[in-house]
Amino acid sequence: MSTSPKKLRLGPLPRTEVVKVTFACAAALKVELERYATMHGQTYGEPVDAVTLIPHMLEAFMARDRGYRRACAIKTRGGNT
């Protein structure tokens, strides 16, 4: 029985250069990340682990954060706010 959605917010993963970063998270979050990775693999037909997904999830989160984007735009324009 497949319960994977037709489309996940995090789409197929691009191939990119990587830098290793280590972080700690709650056990419950790790379980959810692994569950998401399983659904992502089922949805896009390519197995992926949670560790591979994390940077893409963070990138997607930051890209959608209006406050962060606004602050970056102001800084790029030379503002002090």
PDB file of N, CA and C in Angstrom:
ATOM      1  N   MET A   1       0.846  -1.187   0.000  1.00  0.00           N
ATOM      2  CA  MET A   1       0.000   0.000   0.000  1.00  0.00           C
ATOM      3  C   MET A   1       0.884   1.240   0.000  1.00  0.00           C
ATOM      4  N   SER A   2       0.750   2.067  -0.999  1.00  0.00           N
ATOM      5  CA  SER A   2       1.548   3.282  -1.100  1.00  0.00           C
ATOM      6  C   SER A   2       0.723   4.467  -0.625  1.00  0.00           C
ATOM      7  N   THR A   3       1.259   5.183   0.349  1.00  0.00           N
ATOM      8  CA  THR A   3       0.559   6.349   0.877  1.00  0.00           C
ATOM      9  C   THR A   3       1.299   7.627   0.528  1.00  0.00           C
ATOM     10  N   SER A   4       2.270   7.555  -0.401  1.00  0.00           N
ATOM     11  CA  SER A   4       3.037   8.750  -0.727  1.00  0.00           C
ATOM     12  C   SER A   4       2.174   9.736  -1.508  1.00  0.00           C
ATOM     13  N   PRO A   5       2.327  11.007  -1.215  1.00  0.00           N
ATOM     14  CA  PRO A   5       1.556  12.019  -1.932  1.00  0.00           C
ATOM     15  C   PRO A   5       2.060  12.141  -3.364  1.00  0.00           C
ATOM     16  N   LYS A   6       1.245  12.740  -4.221  1.00  0.00           N
ATOM     17  CA  LYS A   6       1.642  12.921  -5.607  1.00  0.00           C
ATOM     18  C   LYS A   6       2.776  13.925  -5.719  1.00  0.00           C
ATOM     19  N   LYS A   7       2.844  14.879  -4.812  1.00  0.00           N
ATOM     20  CA  LYS A   7       3.869  15.905  -4.867  1.00  0.00           C
ATOM     21  C   LYS A   7       4.246  16.313  -3.456  1.00  0.00           C
ATOM     22  N   LEU A   8       5.538  16.372  -3.196  1.00  0.00           N
ATOM     23  CA  LEU A   8       6.020  16.853  -1.907  1.00  0.00           C
ATOM     24  C   LEU A   8       6.556  18.258  -2.099  1.00  0.00           C
ATOM     25  N   ARG A   9       6.582  19.019  -1.049  1.00  0.00           N
ATOM     26  CA  ARG A   9       7.110  20.383  -1.117  1.00  0.00           C
ATOM     27  C   ARG A   9       8.554  20.370  -1.609  1.00  0.00           C
ATOM     28  N   LEU A  10       9.351  19.419  -1.120  1.00  0.00           N
ATOM     29  CA  LEU A  10      10.730  19.285  -1.555  1.00  0.00           C
ATOM     30  C   LEU A  10      10.745  18.384  -2.779  1.00  0.00           C
ATOM     31  N   GLY A  11      11.030  18.944  -3.932  1.00  0.00           N
ATOM     32  CA  GLY A  11      11.012  18.201  -5.182  1.00  0.00           C
ATOM     33  C   GLY A  11      12.235  17.326  -5.363  1.00  0.00           C
ATOM     34  N   PRO A  12      12.454  16.845  -6.596  1.00  0.00           N
ATOM     35  CA  PRO A  12      13.637  16.030  -6.877  1.00  0.00           C
ATOM     36  C   PRO A  12      14.910  16.800  -6.496  1.00  0.00           C
ATOM     37  N   LEU A  13      15.905  16.076  -6.034  1.00  0.00           N
ATOM     38  CA  LEU A  13      17.122  16.713  -5.534  1.00  0.00           C
ATOM     39  C   LEU A  13      18.106  17.027  -6.664  1.00  0.00           C
ATOM     40  N   PRO A  14      18.645  18.249  -6.664  1.00  0.00           N
ATOM     41  CA  PRO A  14      19.659  18.598  -7.658  1.00  0.00           C
ATOM     42  C   PRO A  14      21.010  18.024  -7.251  1.00  0.00           C
ATOM     43  N   ARG A  15      21.894  17.897  -8.205  1.00  0.00           N
ATOM     44  CA  ARG A  15      23.267  17.468  -7.912  1.00  0.00           C
ATOM     45  C   ARG A  15      24.084  18.722  -7.611  1.00  0.00           C
ATOM     46  N   THR A  16      24.690  18.804  -6.429  1.00  0.00           N
ATOM     47  CA  THR A  16      25.445  19.992  -6.044  1.00  0.00           C
ATOM     48  C   THR A  16      26.735  19.617  -5.331  1.00  0.00           C
ATOM     49  N   GLU A  17      27.655  20.571  -5.248  1.00  0.00           N
ATOM     50  CA  GLU A  17      28.871  20.400  -4.455  1.00  0.00           C
ATOM     51  C   GLU A  17      28.466  20.474  -2.986  1.00  0.00           C
ATOM     52  N   VAL A  18      29.076  19.657  -2.150  1.00  0.00           N
ATOM     53  CA  VAL A  18      28.682  19.621  -0.744  1.00  0.00           C
ATOM     54  C   VAL A  18      29.857  19.902   0.180  1.00  0.00           C
ATOM     55  N   VAL A  19      29.519  20.403   1.362  1.00  0.00           N
ATOM     56  CA  VAL A  19      30.446  20.609   2.465  1.00  0.00           C
ATOM     57  C   VAL A  19      29.817  19.917   3.665  1.00  0.00           C
ATOM     58  N   LYS A  20      30.572  19.118   4.376  1.00  0.00           N
ATOM     59  CA  LYS A  20      30.018  18.364   5.498  1.00  0.00           C
ATOM     60  C   LYS A  20      29.818  19.256   6.725  1.00  0.00           C
ATOM     61  N   VAL A  21      28.619  19.169   7.317  1.00  0.00           N
ATOM     62  CA  VAL A  21      28.260  19.871   8.551  1.00  0.00           C
ATOM     63  C   VAL A  21      27.583  18.839   9.452  1.00  0.00           C
ATOM     64  N   THR A  22      27.888  18.880  10.726  1.00  0.00           N
ATOM     65  CA  THR A  22      27.278  17.950  11.679  1.00  0.00           C
ATOM     66  C   THR A  22      26.346  18.731  12.600  1.00  0.00           C
ATOM     67  N   PHE A  23      25.175  18.163  12.893  1.00  0.00           N
ATOM     68  CA  PHE A  23      24.266  18.808  13.833  1.00  0.00           C
ATOM     69  C   PHE A  23      23.536  17.743  14.639  1.00  0.00           C
ATOM     70  N   ALA A  24      22.994  18.155  15.765  1.00  0.00           N
ATOM     71  CA  ALA A  24      22.232  17.262  16.632  1.00  0.00           C
ATOM     72  C   ALA A  24      20.771  17.672  16.592  1.00  0.00           C
ATOM     73  N   CYS A  25      19.888  16.681  16.668  1.00  0.00           N
ATOM     74  CA  CYS A  25      18.453  16.983  16.699  1.00  0.00           C
ATOM     75  C   CYS A  25      17.758  16.014  17.638  1.00  0.00           C
ATOM     76  N   ALA A  26      16.541  16.336  17.983  1.00  0.00           N
ATOM     77  CA  ALA A  26      15.739  15.481  18.857  1.00  0.00           C
ATOM     78  C   ALA A  26      15.448  14.149  18.146  1.00  0.00           C
ATOM     79  N   ALA A  27      15.331  13.097  18.925  1.00  0.00           N
ATOM     80  CA  ALA A  27      15.048  11.774  18.366  1.00  0.00           C
ATOM     81  C   ALA A  27      13.755  11.781  17.546  1.00  0.00           C
ATOM     82  N   ALA A  28      12.753  12.505  18.022  1.00  0.00           N
ATOM     83  CA  ALA A  28      11.482  12.565  17.300  1.00  0.00           C
ATOM     84  C   ALA A  28      11.648  13.221  15.931  1.00  0.00           C
ATOM     85  N   LEU A  29      12.491  14.246  15.846  1.00  0.00           N
ATOM     86  CA  LEU A  29      12.745  14.886  14.564  1.00  0.00           C
ATOM     87  C   LEU A  29      13.468  13.932  13.621  1.00  0.00           C
ATOM     88  N   LYS A  30      14.404  13.165  14.139  1.00  0.00           N
ATOM     89  CA  LYS A  30      15.122  12.191  13.316  1.00  0.00           C
ATOM     90  C   LYS A  30      14.150  11.184  12.716  1.00  0.00           C
ATOM     91  N   VAL A  31      13.201  10.726  13.519  1.00  0.00           N
ATOM     92  CA  VAL A  31      12.189   9.789  13.024  1.00  0.00           C
ATOM     93  C   VAL A  31      11.384  10.428  11.894  1.00  0.00           C
ATOM     94  N   GLU A  32      10.967  11.679  12.080  1.00  0.00           N
ATOM     95  CA  GLU A  32      10.195  12.377  11.049  1.00  0.00           C
ATOM     96  C   GLU A  32      11.019  12.588   9.784  1.00  0.00           C
ATOM     97  N   LEU A  33      12.293  12.936   9.930  1.00  0.00           N
ATOM     98  CA  LEU A  33      13.164  13.103   8.768  1.00  0.00           C
ATOM     99  C   LEU A  33      13.302  11.794   7.992  1.00  0.00           C
ATOM    100  N   GLU A  34      13.450  10.693   8.704  1.00  0.00           N
ATOM    101  CA  GLU A  34      13.543   9.395   8.050  1.00  0.00           C
ATOM    102  C   GLU A  34      12.241   9.029   7.347  1.00  0.00           C
ATOM    103  N   ARG A  35      11.120   9.361   7.964  1.00  0.00           N
ATOM    104  CA  ARG A  35       9.812   9.104   7.351  1.00  0.00           C
ATOM    105  C   ARG A  35       9.668   9.931   6.073  1.00  0.00           C
ATOM    106  N   TYR A  36      10.078  11.192   6.142  1.00  0.00           N
ATOM    107  CA  TYR A  36      10.010  12.063   4.962  1.00  0.00           C
ATOM    108  C   TYR A  36      10.908  11.511   3.857  1.00  0.00           C
ATOM    109  N   ALA A  37      12.100  11.056   4.215  1.00  0.00           N
ATOM    110  CA  ALA A  37      13.025  10.504   3.227  1.00  0.00           C
ATOM    111  C   ALA A  37      12.415   9.290   2.530  1.00  0.00           C
ATOM    112  N   THR A  38      11.746   8.450   3.275  1.00  0.00           N
ATOM    113  CA  THR A  38      11.077   7.282   2.694  1.00  0.00           C
ATOM    114  C   THR A  38      10.003   7.715   1.710  1.00  0.00           C
ATOM    115  N   MET A  39       9.184   8.681   2.107  1.00  0.00           N
ATOM    116  CA  MET A  39       8.125   9.180   1.216  1.00  0.00           C
ATOM    117  C   MET A  39       8.725   9.844  -0.020  1.00  0.00           C
ATOM    118  N   HIS A  40       9.810  10.570   0.153  1.00  0.00           N
ATOM    119  CA  HIS A  40      10.472  11.233  -0.976  1.00  0.00           C
ATOM    120  C   HIS A  40      10.966  10.176  -1.968  1.00  0.00           C
ATOM    121  N   GLY A  41      11.590   9.124  -1.465  1.00  0.00           N
ATOM    122  CA  GLY A  41      12.062   8.050  -2.332  1.00  0.00           C
ATOM    123  C   GLY A  41      10.929   7.375  -3.079  1.00  0.00           C
ATOM    124  N   GLN A  42       9.810   7.145  -2.410  1.00  0.00           N
ATOM    125  CA  GLN A  42       8.646   6.533  -3.058  1.00  0.00           C
ATOM    126  C   GLN A  42       8.056   7.463  -4.105  1.00  0.00           C
ATOM    127  N   THR A  43       8.031   8.752  -3.816  1.00  0.00           N
ATOM    128  CA  THR A  43       7.426   9.725  -4.721  1.00  0.00           C
ATOM    129  C   THR A  43       8.253   9.911  -5.986  1.00  0.00           C
ATOM    130  N   TYR A  44       9.573   9.979  -5.845  1.00  0.00           N
ATOM    131  CA  TYR A  44      10.433  10.295  -6.985  1.00  0.00           C
ATOM    132  C   TYR A  44      11.210   9.096  -7.513  1.00  0.00           C
ATOM    133  N   GLY A  45      10.974   7.906  -6.951  1.00  0.00           N
ATOM    134  CA  GLY A  45      11.548   6.685  -7.489  1.00  0.00           C
ATOM    135  C   GLY A  45      13.044   6.528  -7.304  1.00  0.00           C
ATOM    136  N   GLU A  46      13.632   7.298  -6.396  1.00  0.00           N
ATOM    137  CA  GLU A  46      15.060   7.186  -6.124  1.00  0.00           C
ATOM    138  C   GLU A  46      15.266   7.207  -4.615  1.00  0.00           C
ATOM    139  N   PRO A  47      15.785   6.119  -4.055  1.00  0.00           N
ATOM    140  CA  PRO A  47      15.998   6.084  -2.603  1.00  0.00           C
ATOM    141  C   PRO A  47      16.904   7.227  -2.149  1.00  0.00           C
ATOM    142  N   VAL A  48      16.572   7.801  -1.013  1.00  0.00           N
ATOM    143  CA  VAL A  48      17.356   8.888  -0.441  1.00  0.00           C
ATOM    144  C   VAL A  48      17.293   8.765   1.070  1.00  0.00           C
ATOM    145  N   ASP A  49      18.372   9.155   1.742  1.00  0.00           N
ATOM    146  CA  ASP A  49      18.338   9.106   3.206  1.00  0.00           C
ATOM    147  C   ASP A  49      18.108  10.508   3.767  1.00  0.00           C
ATOM    148  N   ALA A  50      17.763  10.553   5.027  1.00  0.00           N
ATOM    149  CA  ALA A  50      17.437  11.826   5.675  1.00  0.00           C
ATOM    150  C   ALA A  50      18.616  12.788   5.650  1.00  0.00           C
ATOM    151  N   VAL A  51      19.823  12.285   5.834  1.00  0.00           N
ATOM    152  CA  VAL A  51      21.004  13.146   5.847  1.00  0.00           C
ATOM    153  C   VAL A  51      21.151  13.886   4.516  1.00  0.00           C
ATOM    154  N   THR A  52      20.826  13.230   3.423  1.00  0.00           N
ATOM    155  CA  THR A  52      20.901  13.859   2.106  1.00  0.00           C
ATOM    156  C   THR A  52      19.828  14.927   1.948  1.00  0.00           C
ATOM    157  N   LEU A  53      18.668  14.710   2.546  1.00  0.00           N
ATOM    158  CA  LEU A  53      17.557  15.653   2.407  1.00  0.00           C
ATOM    159  C   LEU A  53      17.726  16.925   3.227  1.00  0.00           C
ATOM    160  N   ILE A  54      18.366  16.836   4.370  1.00  0.00           N
ATOM    161  CA  ILE A  54      18.420  17.967   5.304  1.00  0.00           C
ATOM    162  C   ILE A  54      18.900  19.262   4.662  1.00  0.00           C
ATOM    163  N   PRO A  55      20.024  19.278   3.927  1.00  0.00           N
ATOM    164  CA  PRO A  55      20.451  20.554   3.347  1.00  0.00           C
ATOM    165  C   PRO A  55      19.446  21.119   2.345  1.00  0.00           C
ATOM    166  N   HIS A  56      18.792  20.244   1.595  1.00  0.00           N
ATOM    167  CA  HIS A  56      17.794  20.706   0.629  1.00  0.00           C
ATOM    168  C   HIS A  56      16.563  21.271   1.334  1.00  0.00           C
ATOM    169  N   MET A  57      16.199  20.662   2.452  1.00  0.00           N
ATOM    170  CA  MET A  57      15.071  21.154   3.236  1.00  0.00           C
ATOM    171  C   MET A  57      15.397  22.531   3.824  1.00  0.00           C
ATOM    172  N   LEU A  58      16.602  22.682   4.339  1.00  0.00           N
ATOM    173  CA  LEU A  58      17.013  23.971   4.901  1.00  0.00           C
ATOM    174  C   LEU A  58      17.069  25.045   3.817  1.00  0.00           C
ATOM    175  N   GLU A  59      17.587  24.685   2.661  1.00  0.00           N
ATOM    176  CA  GLU A  59      17.655  25.637   1.554  1.00  0.00           C
ATOM    177  C   GLU A  59      16.251  26.084   1.138  1.00  0.00           C
ATOM    178  N   ALA A  60      15.323  25.131   1.039  1.00  0.00           N
ATOM    179  CA  ALA A  60      13.942  25.460   0.676  1.00  0.00           C
ATOM    180  C   ALA A  60      13.298  26.340   1.745  1.00  0.00           C
ATOM    181  N   PHE A  61      13.550  26.029   3.008  1.00  0.00           N
ATOM    182  CA  PHE A  61      13.010  26.827   4.100  1.00  0.00           C
ATOM    183  C   PHE A  61      13.503  28.268   4.012  1.00  0.00           C
ATOM    184  N   MET A  62      14.809  28.432   3.839  1.00  0.00           N
ATOM    185  CA  MET A  62      15.390  29.779   3.788  1.00  0.00           C
ATOM    186  C   MET A  62      14.897  30.553   2.559  1.00  0.00           C
ATOM    187  N   ALA A  63      14.721  29.865   1.450  1.00  0.00           N
ATOM    188  CA  ALA A  63      14.245  30.524   0.233  1.00  0.00           C
ATOM    189  C   ALA A  63      12.822  31.054   0.404  1.00  0.00           C
ATOM    190  N   ARG A  64      12.037  30.426   1.273  1.00  0.00           N
ATOM    191  CA  ARG A  64      10.648  30.826   1.476  1.00  0.00           C
ATOM    192  C   ARG A  64      10.464  31.744   2.681  1.00  0.00           C
ATOM    193  N   ASP A  65      11.528  32.038   3.403  1.00  0.00           N
ATOM    194  CA  ASP A  65      11.444  32.884   4.593  1.00  0.00           C
ATOM    195  C   ASP A  65      11.471  34.357   4.153  1.00  0.00           C
ATOM    196  N   ARG A  66      10.315  34.984   4.156  1.00  0.00           N
ATOM    197  CA  ARG A  66      10.206  36.369   3.668  1.00  0.00           C
ATOM    198  C   ARG A  66      11.058  37.340   4.460  1.00  0.00           C
ATOM    199  N   GLY A  67      11.083  37.194   5.775  1.00  0.00           N
ATOM    200  CA  GLY A  67      11.881  38.078   6.613  1.00  0.00           C
ATOM    201  C   GLY A  67      13.358  37.961   6.297  1.00  0.00           C
ATOM    202  N   TYR A  68      13.825  36.751   6.100  1.00  0.00           N
ATOM    203  CA  TYR A  68      15.226  36.521   5.762  1.00  0.00           C
ATOM    204  C   TYR A  68      15.552  37.119   4.389  1.00  0.00           C
ATOM    205  N   ARG A  69      14.698  36.855   3.415  1.00  0.00           N
ATOM    206  CA  ARG A  69      14.935  37.390   2.060  1.00  0.00           C
ATOM    207  C   ARG A  69      14.934  38.910   2.082  1.00  0.00           C
ATOM    208  N   ARG A  70      13.999  39.498   2.827  1.00  0.00           N
ATOM    209  CA  ARG A  70      13.915  40.953   2.923  1.00  0.00           C
ATOM    210  C   ARG A  70      15.189  41.523   3.544  1.00  0.00           C
ATOM    211  N   ALA A  71      15.665  40.909   4.622  1.00  0.00           N
ATOM    212  CA  ALA A  71      16.884  41.364   5.285  1.00  0.00           C
ATOM    213  C   ALA A  71      18.094  41.237   4.364  1.00  0.00           C
ATOM    214  N   CYS A  72      18.162  40.157   3.610  1.00  0.00           N
ATOM    215  CA  CYS A  72      19.271  39.981   2.664  1.00  0.00           C
ATOM    216  C   CYS A  72      19.214  41.023   1.558  1.00  0.00           C
ATOM    217  N   ALA A  73      18.018  41.338   1.080  1.00  0.00           N
ATOM    218  CA  ALA A  73      17.874  42.339   0.015  1.00  0.00           C
ATOM    219  C   ALA A  73      18.303  43.708   0.516  1.00  0.00           C
ATOM    220  N   ILE A  74      17.930  44.041   1.742  1.00  0.00           N
ATOM    221  CA  ILE A  74      18.310  45.333   2.325  1.00  0.00           C
ATOM    222  C   ILE A  74      19.828  45.396   2.486  1.00  0.00           C
ATOM    223  N   LYS A  75      20.417  44.328   2.976  1.00  0.00           N
ATOM    224  CA  LYS A  75      21.862  44.289   3.175  1.00  0.00           C
ATOM    225  C   LYS A  75      22.585  44.404   1.829  1.00  0.00           C
ATOM    226  N   THR A  76      22.072  43.730   0.811  1.00  0.00           N
ATOM    227  CA  THR A  76      22.676  43.783  -0.523  1.00  0.00           C
ATOM    228  C   THR A  76      22.624  45.184  -1.098  1.00  0.00           C
ATOM    229  N   ARG A  77      21.543  45.920  -0.798  1.00  0.00           N
ATOM    230  CA  ARG A  77      21.399  47.287  -1.293  1.00  0.00           C
ATOM    231  C   ARG A  77      22.212  48.284  -0.467  1.00  0.00           C
ATOM    232  N   GLY A  78      22.827  47.804   0.626  1.00  0.00           N
ATOM    233  CA  GLY A  78      23.648  48.683   1.448  1.00  0.00           C
ATOM    234  C   GLY A  78      22.921  49.318   2.609  1.00  0.00           C
ATOM    235  N   GLY A  79      21.727  48.823   2.936  1.00  0.00           N
ATOM    236  CA  GLY A  79      20.985  49.354   4.071  1.00  0.00           C
ATOM    237  C   GLY A  79      21.532  48.879   5.394  1.00  0.00           C
ATOM    238  N   ASN A  80      21.210  49.567   6.435  1.00  0.00           N
ATOM    239  CA  ASN A  80      21.703  49.206   7.771  1.00  0.00           C
ATOM    240  C   ASN A  80      20.638  48.535   8.617  1.00  0.00           C
ATOM    241  N   THR A  81      19.449  48.316   8.096  1.00  0.00           N
ATOM    242  CA  THR A  81      18.356  47.770   8.893  1.00  0.00           C
ATOM    243  C   THR A  81      18.397  46.276   8.962  1.00  0.00           C
TER     244      THR A  81
END
